[in-house]
């Protein structure tokens, strides 16, 4: 079960992302790269949980 604030990783990729929103069959994840914040939707089958909560995620 995914919740906002969890740190996740897409299977087969190196990028760590944080869960922004959870809707029925879509999970919106965000990450920072090259000084910009990016968001993308993923199905839950392609994500792995890396840590249950992101206490230090810089959201500014």
C-alpha atoms as a PDB file:
ATOM      1  CA  UNK A   1       0.000   0.000   0.000  1.00  0.00           C
ATOM      2  CA  UNK A   2       1.470   3.293  -1.102  1.00  0.00           C
ATOM      3  CA  UNK A   3       1.017   6.516   0.862  1.00  0.00           C
ATOM      4  CA  UNK A   4       2.141  10.096   0.136  1.00  0.00           C
ATOM      5  CA  UNK A   5       5.653  10.724   1.431  1.00  0.00           C
ATOM      6  CA  UNK A   6       7.009   7.223   0.758  1.00  0.00           C
ATOM      7  CA  UNK A   7      10.306   6.885  -1.072  1.00  0.00           C
ATOM      8  CA  UNK A   8       9.945   4.511  -4.018  1.00  0.00           C
ATOM      9  CA  UNK A   9      12.001   3.257  -6.938  1.00  0.00           C
ATOM     10  CA  UNK A  10      10.803   2.175 -10.359  1.00  0.00           C
ATOM     11  CA  UNK A  11      11.777  -1.423 -11.130  1.00  0.00           C
ATOM     12  CA  UNK A  12      14.876  -1.510 -13.296  1.00  0.00           C
ATOM     13  CA  UNK A  13      15.741   2.172 -12.744  1.00  0.00           C
ATOM     14  CA  UNK A  14      18.155   3.898 -10.383  1.00  0.00           C
ATOM     15  CA  UNK A  15      16.086   7.040  -9.710  1.00  0.00           C
ATOM     16  CA  UNK A  16      14.574   7.452  -6.232  1.00  0.00           C
ATOM     17  CA  UNK A  17      11.214   9.214  -6.159  1.00  0.00           C
ATOM     18  CA  UNK A  18       8.728  10.317  -3.536  1.00  0.00           C
ATOM     19  CA  UNK A  19       5.010   9.537  -3.736  1.00  0.00           C
ATOM     20  CA  UNK A  20       3.053  12.773  -4.175  1.00  0.00           C
ATOM     21  CA  UNK A  21      -0.522  11.514  -4.596  1.00  0.00           C
ATOM     22  CA  UNK A  22      -2.257   8.156  -4.697  1.00  0.00           C
ATOM     23  CA  UNK A  23      -5.372   7.646  -6.795  1.00  0.00           C
ATOM     24  CA  UNK A  24      -7.123   4.346  -7.565  1.00  0.00           C
ATOM     25  CA  UNK A  25      -4.709   2.814 -10.082  1.00  0.00           C
ATOM     26  CA  UNK A  26      -2.299   5.731 -10.504  1.00  0.00           C
ATOM     27  CA  UNK A  27       0.507   6.839  -8.250  1.00  0.00           C
ATOM     28  CA  UNK A  28       2.019  10.251  -8.944  1.00  0.00           C
ATOM     29  CA  UNK A  29       5.691  10.371  -8.039  1.00  0.00           C
ATOM     30  CA  UNK A  30       8.078  13.299  -8.026  1.00  0.00           C
ATOM     31  CA  UNK A  31      11.837  13.703  -8.161  1.00  0.00           C
ATOM     32  CA  UNK A  32      14.388  16.463  -8.526  1.00  0.00           C
ATOM     33  CA  UNK A  33      16.851  16.463 -11.424  1.00  0.00           C
ATOM     34  CA  UNK A  34      18.955  19.197 -12.992  1.00  0.00           C
ATOM     35  CA  UNK A  35      17.512  21.777 -10.603  1.00  0.00           C
ATOM     36  CA  UNK A  36      13.883  21.072 -11.550  1.00  0.00           C
ATOM     37  CA  UNK A  37      11.072  19.084  -9.944  1.00  0.00           C
ATOM     38  CA  UNK A  38       9.499  16.453 -12.194  1.00  0.00           C
ATOM     39  CA  UNK A  39       6.282  14.457 -11.750  1.00  0.00           C
ATOM     40  CA  UNK A  40       5.034  11.333 -13.480  1.00  0.00           C
ATOM     41  CA  UNK A  41       2.219   8.815 -12.942  1.00  0.00           C
ATOM     42  CA  UNK A  42       2.983   5.117 -12.555  1.00  0.00           C
ATOM     43  CA  UNK A  43       0.927   1.956 -12.001  1.00  0.00           C
ATOM     44  CA  UNK A  44       1.628   0.365  -8.596  1.00  0.00           C
ATOM     45  CA  UNK A  45       3.041  -2.810 -10.191  1.00  0.00           C
ATOM     46  CA  UNK A  46       6.208  -1.064 -11.412  1.00  0.00           C
ATOM     47  CA  UNK A  47       7.168   0.581  -8.090  1.00  0.00           C
ATOM     48  CA  UNK A  48       9.157  -0.762  -5.150  1.00  0.00           C
ATOM     49  CA  UNK A  49       9.103   0.768  -1.680  1.00  0.00           C
ATOM     50  CA  UNK A  50      12.548   1.941  -0.518  1.00  0.00           C
ATOM     51  CA  UNK A  51      11.540   3.572   2.772  1.00  0.00           C
ATOM     52  CA  UNK A  52       8.154   3.997   4.449  1.00  0.00           C
ATOM     53  CA  UNK A  53       8.372   7.782   4.908  1.00  0.00           C
ATOM     54  CA  UNK A  54      10.491  10.634   3.590  1.00  0.00           C
ATOM     55  CA  UNK A  55      11.296  12.758   6.628  1.00  0.00           C
ATOM     56  CA  UNK A  56      13.981  14.785   4.885  1.00  0.00           C
ATOM     57  CA  UNK A  57      12.515  15.318   1.403  1.00  0.00           C
ATOM     58  CA  UNK A  58      13.210  18.961   0.437  1.00  0.00           C
ATOM     59  CA  UNK A  59       9.902  20.407  -0.734  1.00  0.00           C
ATOM     60  CA  UNK A  60      10.617  24.066  -1.340  1.00  0.00           C
END
